[in-house]
Amino acid sequence: MSIQRHGTTRRYSDSVVHQGTVYLVEVAPDTGLDAGGQTAAMLASVDRLLAQAGSDRRHLLMATLYLADMADYDAMNAVWDDWLPAGCAPARACVQARLAKPEYRVEIALTAAVVQS
C-alpha cells in the first residue's frame, strides 16, 4: 500500500496519492489578485497538480472551497463554473473562513480519482 507525496515540505505536501485517489489543497500563488484572479490562478495550479498525480478536473470527487469573505462567492463561482467541465461537478462545500494569510481570498481542498498510472 504505497503513498506518493509530491512537493513535500516539512509541513505539507502539494498532493498525496493513495489507493487511486489524489488529495490536494491549494491557495493562489499571487495574493495581489482579487478573488476571481486568485481563483483562476489557483485552479491553473490545481490542473498542474492533478496532471502530476495522474488525474484531471473531469475526475474530481469532492471540493471544499474556503472564502475569506462570502462577498467573493459570485466572483469565485464565475471562474469555477468556467473551469469545471459540464457534467463533472464534484460534491462541493463552500464556507467562509479565516485563511492562513490575510491576503488569501480563496483556498480549495480537493479529492480526485487517479485515472492513469
PDB file of N, CA and C in Angstrom:
ATOM      1  N   MET A   1       0.851  -1.160   0.000  1.00  0.00           N
ATOM      2  CA  MET A   1       0.000   0.000   0.000  1.00  0.00           C
ATOM      3  C   MET A   1       0.906   1.234   0.000  1.00  0.00           C
ATOM      4  N   SER A   2       1.178   1.766  -1.186  1.00  0.00           N
ATOM      5  CA  SER A   2       2.103   2.889  -1.271  1.00  0.00           C
ATOM      6  C   SER A   2       1.365   4.226  -1.174  1.00  0.00           C
ATOM      7  N   ILE A   3       2.068   5.183  -0.644  1.00  0.00           N
ATOM      8  CA  ILE A   3       1.594   6.558  -0.593  1.00  0.00           C
ATOM      9  C   ILE A   3       2.626   7.389  -1.341  1.00  0.00           C
ATOM     10  N   GLN A   4       2.170   8.145  -2.335  1.00  0.00           N
ATOM     11  CA  GLN A   4       3.060   9.023  -3.095  1.00  0.00           C
ATOM     12  C   GLN A   4       2.787  10.458  -2.668  1.00  0.00           C
ATOM     13  N   ARG A   5       3.850  11.172  -2.330  1.00  0.00           N
ATOM     14  CA  ARG A   5       3.733  12.571  -1.938  1.00  0.00           C
ATOM     15  C   ARG A   5       4.511  13.414  -2.948  1.00  0.00           C
ATOM     16  N   HIS A   6       3.908  14.504  -3.367  1.00  0.00           N
ATOM     17  CA  HIS A   6       4.550  15.409  -4.331  1.00  0.00           C
ATOM     18  C   HIS A   6       4.708  16.780  -3.685  1.00  0.00           C
ATOM     19  N   GLY A   7       5.855  17.410  -3.936  1.00  0.00           N
ATOM     20  CA  GLY A   7       6.085  18.747  -3.401  1.00  0.00           C
ATOM     21  C   GLY A   7       6.069  18.794  -1.890  1.00  0.00           C
ATOM     22  N   THR A   8       6.674  17.796  -1.269  1.00  0.00           N
ATOM     23  CA  THR A   8       6.615  17.674   0.183  1.00  0.00           C
ATOM     24  C   THR A   8       7.604  18.611   0.872  1.00  0.00           C
ATOM     25  N   THR A   9       7.099  19.319   1.856  1.00  0.00           N
ATOM     26  CA  THR A   9       7.919  20.143   2.736  1.00  0.00           C
ATOM     27  C   THR A   9       7.794  19.564   4.138  1.00  0.00           C
ATOM     28  N   ARG A  10       8.385  20.205   5.090  1.00  0.00           N
ATOM     29  CA  ARG A  10       8.272  19.738   6.477  1.00  0.00           C
ATOM     30  C   ARG A  10       6.823  19.778   6.955  1.00  0.00           C
ATOM     31  N   ARG A  11       6.047  20.754   6.456  1.00  0.00           N
ATOM     32  CA  ARG A  11       4.702  20.996   6.960  1.00  0.00           C
ATOM     33  C   ARG A  11       3.596  20.375   6.113  1.00  0.00           C
ATOM     34  N   TYR A  12       3.774  20.271   4.812  1.00  0.00           N
ATOM     35  CA  TYR A  12       2.694  19.790   3.935  1.00  0.00           C
ATOM     36  C   TYR A  12       3.256  19.227   2.640  1.00  0.00           C
ATOM     37  N   SER A  13       2.392  18.543   1.906  1.00  0.00           N
ATOM     38  CA  SER A  13       2.690  18.095   0.549  1.00  0.00           C
ATOM     39  C   SER A  13       1.726  18.803  -0.393  1.00  0.00           C
ATOM     40  N   ASP A  14       2.187  19.119  -1.600  1.00  0.00           N
ATOM     41  CA  ASP A  14       1.297  19.730  -2.591  1.00  0.00           C
ATOM     42  C   ASP A  14       0.156  18.781  -2.942  1.00  0.00           C
ATOM     43  N   SER A  15       0.481  17.485  -3.035  1.00  0.00           N
ATOM     44  CA  SER A  15      -0.554  16.478  -3.269  1.00  0.00           C
ATOM     45  C   SER A  15      -0.091  15.148  -2.698  1.00  0.00           C
ATOM     46  N   VAL A  16      -1.076  14.311  -2.378  1.00  0.00           N
ATOM     47  CA  VAL A  16      -0.816  12.974  -1.863  1.00  0.00           C
ATOM     48  C   VAL A  16      -1.711  12.014  -2.634  1.00  0.00           C
ATOM     49  N   VAL A  17      -1.126  10.915  -3.106  1.00  0.00           N
ATOM     50  CA  VAL A  17      -1.879   9.898  -3.842  1.00  0.00           C
ATOM     51  C   VAL A  17      -1.836   8.598  -3.048  1.00  0.00           C
ATOM     52  N   HIS A  18      -3.033   8.021  -2.856  1.00  0.00           N
ATOM     53  CA  HIS A  18      -3.133   6.761  -2.132  1.00  0.00           C
ATOM     54  C   HIS A  18      -4.322   5.980  -2.672  1.00  0.00           C
ATOM     55  N   GLN A  19      -4.102   4.734  -3.015  1.00  0.00           N
ATOM     56  CA  GLN A  19      -5.144   3.818  -3.486  1.00  0.00           C
ATOM     57  C   GLN A  19      -6.063   4.454  -4.533  1.00  0.00           C
ATOM     58  N   GLY A  20      -5.453   5.049  -5.551  1.00  0.00           N
ATOM     59  CA  GLY A  20      -6.218   5.566  -6.674  1.00  0.00           C
ATOM     60  C   GLY A  20      -6.938   6.876  -6.426  1.00  0.00           C
ATOM     61  N   THR A  21      -6.587   7.568  -5.331  1.00  0.00           N
ATOM     62  CA  THR A  21      -7.202   8.854  -5.032  1.00  0.00           C
ATOM     63  C   THR A  21      -6.106   9.882  -4.775  1.00  0.00           C
ATOM     64  N   VAL A  22      -6.292  11.078  -5.320  1.00  0.00           N
ATOM     65  CA  VAL A  22      -5.351  12.172  -5.075  1.00  0.00           C
ATOM     66  C   VAL A  22      -6.035  13.208  -4.190  1.00  0.00           C
ATOM     67  N   TYR A  23      -5.270  13.705  -3.231  1.00  0.00           N
ATOM     68  CA  TYR A  23      -5.732  14.713  -2.279  1.00  0.00           C
ATOM     69  C   TYR A  23      -4.838  15.933  -2.433  1.00  0.00           C
ATOM     70  N   LEU A  24      -5.435  17.113  -2.501  1.00  0.00           N
ATOM     71  CA  LEU A  24      -4.614  18.316  -2.571  1.00  0.00           C
ATOM     72  C   LEU A  24      -5.345  19.508  -1.992  1.00  0.00           C
ATOM     73  N   VAL A  25      -4.554  20.470  -1.556  1.00  0.00           N
ATOM     74  CA  VAL A  25      -5.057  21.743  -1.053  1.00  0.00           C
ATOM     75  C   VAL A  25      -4.225  22.822  -1.729  1.00  0.00           C
ATOM     76  N   GLU A  26      -4.902  23.880  -2.181  1.00  0.00           N
ATOM     77  CA  GLU A  26      -4.187  24.904  -2.935  1.00  0.00           C
ATOM     78  C   GLU A  26      -4.704  26.293  -2.585  1.00  0.00           C
ATOM     79  N   VAL A  27      -3.786  27.249  -2.568  1.00  0.00           N
ATOM     80  CA  VAL A  27      -4.112  28.669  -2.461  1.00  0.00           C
ATOM     81  C   VAL A  27      -3.509  29.361  -3.681  1.00  0.00           C
ATOM     82  N   ALA A  28      -3.915  30.579  -3.913  1.00  0.00           N
ATOM     83  CA  ALA A  28      -3.415  31.318  -5.067  1.00  0.00           C
ATOM     84  C   ALA A  28      -1.937  31.644  -4.906  1.00  0.00           C
ATOM     85  N   PRO A  29      -1.157  31.471  -5.967  1.00  0.00           N
ATOM     86  CA  PRO A  29       0.260  31.827  -5.890  1.00  0.00           C
ATOM     87  C   PRO A  29       0.487  33.339  -5.896  1.00  0.00           C
ATOM     88  N   ASP A  30      -0.486  34.111  -6.381  1.00  0.00           N
ATOM     89  CA  ASP A  30      -0.366  35.567  -6.441  1.00  0.00           C
ATOM     90  C   ASP A  30      -1.463  36.191  -5.590  1.00  0.00           C
ATOM     91  N   THR A  31      -1.106  36.638  -4.398  1.00  0.00           N
ATOM     92  CA  THR A  31      -2.099  37.190  -3.479  1.00  0.00           C
ATOM     93  C   THR A  31      -2.462  38.636  -3.793  1.00  0.00           C
ATOM     94  N   GLY A  32      -1.846  39.216  -4.808  1.00  0.00           N
ATOM     95  CA  GLY A  32      -2.174  40.581  -5.204  1.00  0.00           C
ATOM     96  C   GLY A  32      -3.423  40.670  -6.067  1.00  0.00           C
ATOM     97  N   LEU A  33      -3.982  39.535  -6.427  1.00  0.00           N
ATOM     98  CA  LEU A  33      -5.163  39.499  -7.289  1.00  0.00           C
ATOM     99  C   LEU A  33      -6.446  39.555  -6.474  1.00  0.00           C
ATOM    100  N   ASP A  34      -7.552  39.920  -7.129  1.00  0.00           N
ATOM    101  CA  ASP A  34      -8.859  39.857  -6.475  1.00  0.00           C
ATOM    102  C   ASP A  34      -9.301  38.398  -6.399  1.00  0.00           C
ATOM    103  N   ALA A  35     -10.472  38.150  -5.838  1.00  0.00           N
ATOM    104  CA  ALA A  35     -10.938  36.775  -5.621  1.00  0.00           C
ATOM    105  C   ALA A  35     -11.047  35.991  -6.933  1.00  0.00           C
ATOM    106  N   GLY A  36     -11.560  36.616  -7.981  1.00  0.00           N
ATOM    107  CA  GLY A  36     -11.657  35.931  -9.272  1.00  0.00           C
ATOM    108  C   GLY A  36     -10.287  35.592  -9.826  1.00  0.00           C
ATOM    109  N   GLY A  37      -9.358  36.531  -9.740  1.00  0.00           N
ATOM    110  CA  GLY A  37      -7.990  36.290 -10.211  1.00  0.00           C
ATOM    111  C   GLY A  37      -7.287  35.232  -9.402  1.00  0.00           C
ATOM    112  N   GLN A  38      -7.467  35.271  -8.077  1.00  0.00           N
ATOM    113  CA  GLN A  38      -6.858  34.234  -7.233  1.00  0.00           C
ATOM    114  C   GLN A  38      -7.446  32.870  -7.558  1.00  0.00           C
ATOM    115  N   THR A  39      -8.749  32.823  -7.799  1.00  0.00           N
ATOM    116  CA  THR A  39      -9.389  31.543  -8.134  1.00  0.00           C
ATOM    117  C   THR A  39      -8.826  30.999  -9.436  1.00  0.00           C
ATOM    118  N   ALA A  40      -8.697  31.839 -10.454  1.00  0.00           N
ATOM    119  CA  ALA A  40      -8.164  31.402 -11.750  1.00  0.00           C
ATOM    120  C   ALA A  40      -6.730  30.892 -11.610  1.00  0.00           C
ATOM    121  N   ALA A  41      -5.895  31.630 -10.887  1.00  0.00           N
ATOM    122  CA  ALA A  41      -4.509  31.209 -10.696  1.00  0.00           C
ATOM    123  C   ALA A  41      -4.432  29.915  -9.908  1.00  0.00           C
ATOM    124  N   MET A  42      -5.268  29.807  -8.884  1.00  0.00           N
ATOM    125  CA  MET A  42      -5.291  28.612  -8.053  1.00  0.00           C
ATOM    126  C   MET A  42      -5.716  27.391  -8.869  1.00  0.00           C
ATOM    127  N   LEU A  43      -6.747  27.542  -9.696  1.00  0.00           N
ATOM    128  CA  LEU A  43      -7.230  26.415 -10.492  1.00  0.00           C
ATOM    129  C   LEU A  43      -6.229  26.011 -11.579  1.00  0.00           C
ATOM    130  N   ALA A  44      -5.461  26.956 -12.094  1.00  0.00           N
ATOM    131  CA  ALA A  44      -4.391  26.602 -13.038  1.00  0.00           C
ATOM    132  C   ALA A  44      -3.349  25.740 -12.334  1.00  0.00           C
ATOM    133  N   SER A  45      -3.040  26.081 -11.092  1.00  0.00           N
ATOM    134  CA  SER A  45      -2.120  25.278 -10.300  1.00  0.00           C
ATOM    135  C   SER A  45      -2.720  23.909  -9.991  1.00  0.00           C
ATOM    136  N   VAL A  46      -4.014  23.873  -9.695  1.00  0.00           N
ATOM    137  CA  VAL A  46      -4.710  22.605  -9.451  1.00  0.00           C
ATOM    138  C   VAL A  46      -4.600  21.709 -10.675  1.00  0.00           C
ATOM    139  N   ASP A  47      -4.779  22.267 -11.868  1.00  0.00           N
ATOM    140  CA  ASP A  47      -4.640  21.480 -13.098  1.00  0.00           C
ATOM    141  C   ASP A  47      -3.269  20.809 -13.172  1.00  0.00           C
ATOM    142  N   ARG A  48      -2.217  21.561 -12.856  1.00  0.00           N
ATOM    143  CA  ARG A  48      -0.857  21.000 -12.897  1.00  0.00           C
ATOM    144  C   ARG A  48      -0.681  19.896 -11.852  1.00  0.00           C
ATOM    145  N   LEU A  49      -1.180  20.135 -10.648  1.00  0.00           N
ATOM    146  CA  LEU A  49      -1.044  19.130  -9.589  1.00  0.00           C
ATOM    147  C   LEU A  49      -1.838  17.864  -9.906  1.00  0.00           C
ATOM    148  N   LEU A  50      -3.037  18.020 -10.446  1.00  0.00           N
ATOM    149  CA  LEU A  50      -3.830  16.847 -10.824  1.00  0.00           C
ATOM    150  C   LEU A  50      -3.121  16.051 -11.917  1.00  0.00           C
ATOM    151  N   ALA A  51      -2.586  16.736 -12.925  1.00  0.00           N
ATOM    152  CA  ALA A  51      -1.876  16.046 -14.014  1.00  0.00           C
ATOM    153  C   ALA A  51      -0.663  15.297 -13.472  1.00  0.00           C
ATOM    154  N   GLN A  52       0.065  15.934 -12.578  1.00  0.00           N
ATOM    155  CA  GLN A  52       1.236  15.293 -11.972  1.00  0.00           C
ATOM    156  C   GLN A  52       0.850  14.009 -11.239  1.00  0.00           C
ATOM    157  N   ALA A  53      -0.336  13.998 -10.663  1.00  0.00           N
ATOM    158  CA  ALA A  53      -0.803  12.840  -9.896  1.00  0.00           C
ATOM    159  C   ALA A  53      -1.538  11.816 -10.754  1.00  0.00           C
ATOM    160  N   GLY A  54      -1.729  12.113 -12.042  1.00  0.00           N
ATOM    161  CA  GLY A  54      -2.406  11.163 -12.926  1.00  0.00           C
ATOM    162  C   GLY A  54      -3.915  11.354 -12.970  1.00  0.00           C
ATOM    163  N   SER A  55      -4.373  12.582 -12.781  1.00  0.00           N
ATOM    164  CA  SER A  55      -5.799  12.862 -12.796  1.00  0.00           C
ATOM    165  C   SER A  55      -6.054  14.158 -13.568  1.00  0.00           C
ATOM    166  N   ASP A  56      -7.280  14.618 -13.533  1.00  0.00           N
ATOM    167  CA  ASP A  56      -7.639  15.891 -14.144  1.00  0.00           C
ATOM    168  C   ASP A  56      -8.979  16.350 -13.584  1.00  0.00           C
ATOM    169  N   ARG A  57      -9.404  17.520 -13.988  1.00  0.00           N
ATOM    170  CA  ARG A  57     -10.621  18.114 -13.411  1.00  0.00           C
ATOM    171  C   ARG A  57     -11.890  17.337 -13.733  1.00  0.00           C
ATOM    172  N   ARG A  58     -11.866  16.468 -14.728  1.00  0.00           N
ATOM    173  CA  ARG A  58     -13.043  15.645 -15.036  1.00  0.00           C
ATOM    174  C   ARG A  58     -13.240  14.524 -14.018  1.00  0.00           C
ATOM    175  N   HIS A  59     -12.256  14.302 -13.167  1.00  0.00           N
ATOM    176  CA  HIS A  59     -12.307  13.192 -12.216  1.00  0.00           C
ATOM    177  C   HIS A  59     -12.341  13.658 -10.760  1.00  0.00           C
ATOM    178  N   LEU A  60     -12.800  14.889 -10.542  1.00  0.00           N
ATOM    179  CA  LEU A  60     -12.944  15.395  -9.179  1.00  0.00           C
ATOM    180  C   LEU A  60     -14.040  14.635  -8.447  1.00  0.00           C
ATOM    181  N   LEU A  61     -13.803  14.358  -7.187  1.00  0.00           N
ATOM    182  CA  LEU A  61     -14.780  13.674  -6.342  1.00  0.00           C
ATOM    183  C   LEU A  61     -15.400  14.617  -5.323  1.00  0.00           C
ATOM    184  N   MET A  62     -14.572  15.453  -4.711  1.00  0.00           N
ATOM    185  CA  MET A  62     -15.029  16.334  -3.627  1.00  0.00           C
ATOM    186  C   MET A  62     -14.213  17.609  -3.652  1.00  0.00           C
ATOM    187  N   ALA A  63     -14.867  18.729  -3.412  1.00  0.00           N
ATOM    188  CA  ALA A  63     -14.183  20.019  -3.304  1.00  0.00           C
ATOM    189  C   ALA A  63     -14.749  20.776  -2.114  1.00  0.00           C
ATOM    190  N   THR A  64     -13.861  21.358  -1.338  1.00  0.00           N
ATOM    191  CA  THR A  64     -14.262  22.288  -0.302  1.00  0.00           C
ATOM    192  C   THR A  64     -13.550  23.597  -0.579  1.00  0.00           C
ATOM    193  N   LEU A  65     -14.340  24.649  -0.802  1.00  0.00           N
ATOM    194  CA  LEU A  65     -13.797  25.975  -1.068  1.00  0.00           C
ATOM    195  C   LEU A  65     -13.953  26.826   0.170  1.00  0.00           C
ATOM    196  N   TYR A  66     -12.885  27.524   0.504  1.00  0.00           N
ATOM    197  CA  TYR A  66     -12.877  28.404   1.661  1.00  0.00           C
ATOM    198  C   TYR A  66     -12.712  29.835   1.155  1.00  0.00           C
ATOM    199  N   LEU A  67     -13.625  30.701   1.522  1.00  0.00           N
ATOM    200  CA  LEU A  67     -13.554  32.105   1.144  1.00  0.00           C
ATOM    201  C   LEU A  67     -13.284  32.948   2.377  1.00  0.00           C
ATOM    202  N   ALA A  68     -12.402  33.917   2.240  1.00  0.00           N
ATOM    203  CA  ALA A  68     -12.154  34.840   3.347  1.00  0.00           C
ATOM    204  C   ALA A  68     -13.383  35.712   3.579  1.00  0.00           C
ATOM    205  N   ASP A  69     -14.142  35.950   2.517  1.00  0.00           N
ATOM    206  CA  ASP A  69     -15.329  36.801   2.609  1.00  0.00           C
ATOM    207  C   ASP A  69     -16.378  36.267   1.635  1.00  0.00           C
ATOM    208  N   MET A  70     -17.562  35.959   2.120  1.00  0.00           N
ATOM    209  CA  MET A  70     -18.619  35.437   1.248  1.00  0.00           C
ATOM    210  C   MET A  70     -19.044  36.441   0.177  1.00  0.00           C
ATOM    211  N   ALA A  71     -18.642  37.688   0.310  1.00  0.00           N
ATOM    212  CA  ALA A  71     -18.905  38.678  -0.739  1.00  0.00           C
ATOM    213  C   ALA A  71     -18.184  38.289  -2.034  1.00  0.00           C
ATOM    214  N   ASP A  72     -17.165  37.412  -1.951  1.00  0.00           N
ATOM    215  CA  ASP A  72     -16.418  36.950  -3.125  1.00  0.00           C
ATOM    216  C   ASP A  72     -17.027  35.704  -3.769  1.00  0.00           C
ATOM    217  N   TYR A  73     -18.138  35.235  -3.229  1.00  0.00           N
ATOM    218  CA  TYR A  73     -18.767  33.989  -3.700  1.00  0.00           C
ATOM    219  C   TYR A  73     -19.070  34.021  -5.202  1.00  0.00           C
ATOM    220  N   ASP A  74     -19.698  35.073  -5.686  1.00  0.00           N
ATOM    221  CA  ASP A  74     -20.060  35.143  -7.107  1.00  0.00           C
ATOM    222  C   ASP A  74     -18.833  35.215  -8.006  1.00  0.00           C
ATOM    223  N   ALA A  75     -17.828  35.992  -7.615  1.00  0.00           N
ATOM    224  CA  ALA A  75     -16.601  36.102  -8.412  1.00  0.00           C
ATOM    225  C   ALA A  75     -15.876  34.764  -8.486  1.00  0.00           C
ATOM    226  N   MET A  76     -15.795  34.064  -7.358  1.00  0.00           N
ATOM    227  CA  MET A  76     -15.152  32.749  -7.337  1.00  0.00           C
ATOM    228  C   MET A  76     -15.941  31.775  -8.197  1.00  0.00           C
ATOM    229  N   ASN A  77     -17.272  31.754  -8.034  1.00  0.00           N
ATOM    230  CA  ASN A  77     -18.104  30.820  -8.789  1.00  0.00           C
ATOM    231  C   ASN A  77     -18.067  31.063 -10.290  1.00  0.00           C
ATOM    232  N   ALA A  78     -17.934  32.302 -10.721  1.00  0.00           N
ATOM    233  CA  ALA A  78     -17.845  32.594 -12.157  1.00  0.00           C
ATOM    234  C   ALA A  78     -16.635  31.889 -12.766  1.00  0.00           C
ATOM    235  N   VAL A  79     -15.508  31.926 -12.074  1.00  0.00           N
ATOM    236  CA  VAL A  79     -14.292  31.266 -12.550  1.00  0.00           C
ATOM    237  C   VAL A  79     -14.432  29.749 -12.418  1.00  0.00           C
ATOM    238  N   TRP A  80     -14.929  29.277 -11.284  1.00  0.00           N
ATOM    239  CA  TRP A  80     -15.126  27.846 -11.044  1.00  0.00           C
ATOM    240  C   TRP A  80     -16.025  27.244 -12.127  1.00  0.00           C
ATOM    241  N   ASP A  81     -17.153  27.898 -12.401  1.00  0.00           N
ATOM    242  CA  ASP A  81     -18.113  27.378 -13.381  1.00  0.00           C
ATOM    243  C   ASP A  81     -17.505  27.280 -14.775  1.00  0.00           C
ATOM    244  N   ASP A  82     -16.660  28.256 -15.162  1.00  0.00           N
ATOM    245  CA  ASP A  82     -15.989  28.210 -16.469  1.00  0.00           C
ATOM    246  C   ASP A  82     -14.930  27.115 -16.521  1.00  0.00           C
ATOM    247  N   TRP A  83     -14.294  26.839 -15.390  1.00  0.00           N
ATOM    248  CA  TRP A  83     -13.209  25.858 -15.319  1.00  0.00           C
ATOM    249  C   TRP A  83     -13.721  24.425 -15.301  1.00  0.00           C
ATOM    250  N   LEU A  84     -14.841  24.189 -14.674  1.00  0.00           N
ATOM    251  CA  LEU A  84     -15.348  22.834 -14.467  1.00  0.00           C
ATOM    252  C   LEU A  84     -16.036  22.312 -15.726  1.00  0.00           C
ATOM    253  N   PRO A  85     -15.626  21.150 -16.239  1.00  0.00           N
ATOM    254  CA  PRO A  85     -16.289  20.586 -17.420  1.00  0.00           C
ATOM    255  C   PRO A  85     -17.749  20.230 -17.121  1.00  0.00           C
ATOM    256  N   ALA A  86     -18.599  20.404 -18.115  1.00  0.00           N
ATOM    257  CA  ALA A  86     -20.024  20.085 -17.971  1.00  0.00           C
ATOM    258  C   ALA A  86     -20.187  18.628 -17.549  1.00  0.00           C
ATOM    259  N   GLY A  87     -21.076  18.397 -16.605  1.00  0.00           N
ATOM    260  CA  GLY A  87     -21.378  17.041 -16.151  1.00  0.00           C
ATOM    261  C   GLY A  87     -20.350  16.443 -15.216  1.00  0.00           C
ATOM    262  N   CYS A  88     -19.361  17.223 -14.779  1.00  0.00           N
ATOM    263  CA  CYS A  88     -18.285  16.687 -13.941  1.00  0.00           C
ATOM    264  C   CYS A  88     -18.206  17.347 -12.567  1.00  0.00           C
ATOM    265  N   ALA A  89     -19.278  17.953 -12.128  1.00  0.00           N
ATOM    266  CA  ALA A  89     -19.251  18.645 -10.836  1.00  0.00           C
ATOM    267  C   ALA A  89     -19.046  17.656  -9.693  1.00  0.00           C
ATOM    268  N   PRO A  90     -18.088  17.950  -8.813  1.00  0.00           N
ATOM    269  CA  PRO A  90     -17.880  17.093  -7.652  1.00  0.00           C
ATOM    270  C   PRO A  90     -18.880  17.443  -6.552  1.00  0.00           C
ATOM    271  N   ALA A  91     -18.946  16.619  -5.527  1.00  0.00           N
ATOM    272  CA  ALA A  91     -19.622  17.036  -4.306  1.00  0.00           C
ATOM    273  C   ALA A  91     -18.837  18.251  -3.816  1.00  0.00           C
ATOM    274  N   ARG A  92     -19.552  19.274  -3.303  1.00  0.00           N
ATOM    275  CA  ARG A  92     -18.850  20.520  -3.002  1.00  0.00           C
ATOM    276  C   ARG A  92     -19.450  21.234  -1.798  1.00  0.00           C
ATOM    277  N   ALA A  93     -18.566  21.841  -1.025  1.00  0.00           N
ATOM    278  CA  ALA A  93     -18.970  22.732   0.052  1.00  0.00           C
ATOM    279  C   ALA A  93     -18.207  24.040  -0.133  1.00  0.00           C
ATOM    280  N   CYS A  94     -18.803  25.131   0.301  1.00  0.00           N
ATOM    281  CA  CYS A  94     -18.146  26.431   0.265  1.00  0.00           C
ATOM    282  C   CYS A  94     -18.462  27.139   1.568  1.00  0.00           C
ATOM    283  N   VAL A  95     -17.423  27.528   2.283  1.00  0.00           N
ATOM    284  CA  VAL A  95     -17.602  28.160   3.587  1.00  0.00           C
ATOM    285  C   VAL A  95     -16.721  29.398   3.706  1.00  0.00           C
ATOM    286  N   GLN A  96     -17.121  30.291   4.576  1.00  0.00           N
ATOM    287  CA  GLN A  96     -16.273  31.430   4.913  1.00  0.00           C
ATOM    288  C   GLN A  96     -15.361  31.013   6.049  1.00  0.00           C
ATOM    289  N   ALA A  97     -14.086  31.381   5.932  1.00  0.00           N
ATOM    290  CA  ALA A  97     -13.112  31.016   6.956  1.00  0.00           C
ATOM    291  C   ALA A  97     -11.997  32.052   7.004  1.00  0.00           C
ATOM    292  N   ARG A  98     -11.390  32.173   8.160  1.00  0.00           N
ATOM    293  CA  ARG A  98     -10.189  32.998   8.239  1.00  0.00           C
ATOM    294  C   ARG A  98      -9.044  32.155   7.678  1.00  0.00           C
ATOM    295  N   LEU A  99      -8.430  32.630   6.619  1.00  0.00           N
ATOM    296  CA  LEU A  99      -7.373  31.868   5.951  1.00  0.00           C
ATOM    297  C   LEU A  99      -6.015  32.180   6.575  1.00  0.00           C
ATOM    298  N   ALA A 100      -5.006  31.400   6.220  1.00  0.00           N
ATOM    299  CA  ALA A 100      -3.700  31.471   6.867  1.00  0.00           C
ATOM    300  C   ALA A 100      -3.040  32.840   6.754  1.00  0.00           C
ATOM    301  N   LYS A 101      -3.282  33.539   5.656  1.00  0.00           N
ATOM    302  CA  LYS A 101      -2.741  34.892   5.466  1.00  0.00           C
ATOM    303  C   LYS A 101      -3.887  35.804   5.072  1.00  0.00           C
ATOM    304  N   PRO A 102      -3.889  37.032   5.540  1.00  0.00           N
ATOM    305  CA  PRO A 102      -4.992  37.936   5.206  1.00  0.00           C
ATOM    306  C   PRO A 102      -5.102  38.236   3.713  1.00  0.00           C
ATOM    307  N   GLU A 103      -4.027  38.061   2.964  1.00  0.00           N
ATOM    308  CA  GLU A 103      -4.052  38.325   1.520  1.00  0.00           C
ATOM    309  C   GLU A 103      -4.779  37.231   0.733  1.00  0.00           C
ATOM    310  N   TYR A 104      -4.892  36.048   1.307  1.00  0.00           N
ATOM    311  CA  TYR A 104      -5.601  34.969   0.622  1.00  0.00           C
ATOM    312  C   TYR A 104      -7.095  35.284   0.598  1.00  0.00           C
ATOM    313  N   ARG A 105      -7.701  35.177  -0.574  1.00  0.00           N
ATOM    314  CA  ARG A 105      -9.143  35.373  -0.735  1.00  0.00           C
ATOM    315  C   ARG A 105      -9.873  34.036  -0.820  1.00  0.00           C
ATOM    316  N   VAL A 106      -9.160  33.004  -1.310  1.00  0.00           N
ATOM    317  CA  VAL A 106      -9.790  31.705  -1.541  1.00  0.00           C
ATOM    318  C   VAL A 106      -8.763  30.588  -1.373  1.00  0.00           C
ATOM    319  N   GLU A 107      -9.235  29.452  -0.886  1.00  0.00           N
ATOM    320  CA  GLU A 107      -8.422  28.242  -0.736  1.00  0.00           C
ATOM    321  C   GLU A 107      -9.319  27.070  -1.108  1.00  0.00           C
ATOM    322  N   ILE A 108      -8.705  26.005  -1.621  1.00  0.00           N
ATOM    323  CA  ILE A 108      -9.507  24.850  -2.031  1.00  0.00           C
ATOM    324  C   ILE A 108      -8.848  23.560  -1.558  1.00  0.00           C
ATOM    325  N   ALA A 109      -9.674  22.628  -1.105  1.00  0.00           N
ATOM    326  CA  ALA A 109      -9.247  21.267  -0.785  1.00  0.00           C
ATOM    327  C   ALA A 109     -10.008  20.349  -1.735  1.00  0.00           C
ATOM    328  N   LEU A 110      -9.284  19.478  -2.426  1.00  0.00           N
ATOM    329  CA  LEU A 110      -9.882  18.605  -3.445  1.00  0.00           C
ATOM    330  C   LEU A 110      -9.488  17.158  -3.249  1.00  0.00           C
ATOM    331  N   THR A 111     -10.381  16.267  -3.635  1.00  0.00           N
ATOM    332  CA  THR A 111     -10.021  14.863  -3.852  1.00  0.00           C
ATOM    333  C   THR A 111     -10.470  14.523  -5.265  1.00  0.00           C
ATOM    334  N   ALA A 112      -9.683  13.667  -5.912  1.00  0.00           N
ATOM    335  CA  ALA A 112      -9.972  13.261  -7.275  1.00  0.00           C
ATOM    336  C   ALA A 112      -9.516  11.828  -7.483  1.00  0.00           C
ATOM    337  N   ALA A 113     -10.154  11.174  -8.430  1.00  0.00           N
ATOM    338  CA  ALA A 113      -9.764   9.814  -8.802  1.00  0.00           C
ATOM    339  C   ALA A 113      -8.545   9.885  -9.720  1.00  0.00           C
ATOM    340  N   VAL A 114      -7.593   8.993  -9.492  1.00  0.00           N
ATOM    341  CA  VAL A 114      -6.455   8.860 -10.387  1.00  0.00           C
ATOM    342  C   VAL A 114      -6.900   7.999 -11.563  1.00  0.00           C
ATOM    343  N   VAL A 115      -6.605   8.453 -12.767  1.00  0.00           N
ATOM    344  CA  VAL A 115      -7.083   7.732 -13.948  1.00  0.00           C
ATOM    345  C   VAL A 115      -5.952   7.174 -14.808  1.00  0.00           C
ATOM    346  N   GLN A 116      -4.719   7.501 -14.482  1.00  0.00           N
ATOM    347  CA  GLN A 116      -3.580   6.963 -15.227  1.00  0.00           C
ATOM    348  C   GLN A 116      -2.464   6.661 -14.258  1.00  0.00           C
ATOM    349  N   SER A 117      -1.623   5.726 -14.622  1.00  0.00           N
ATOM    350  CA  SER A 117      -0.531   5.378 -13.703  1.00  0.00           C
ATOM    351  C   SER A 117       0.809   5.812 -14.233  1.00  0.00           C
TER     352      SER A 117
END
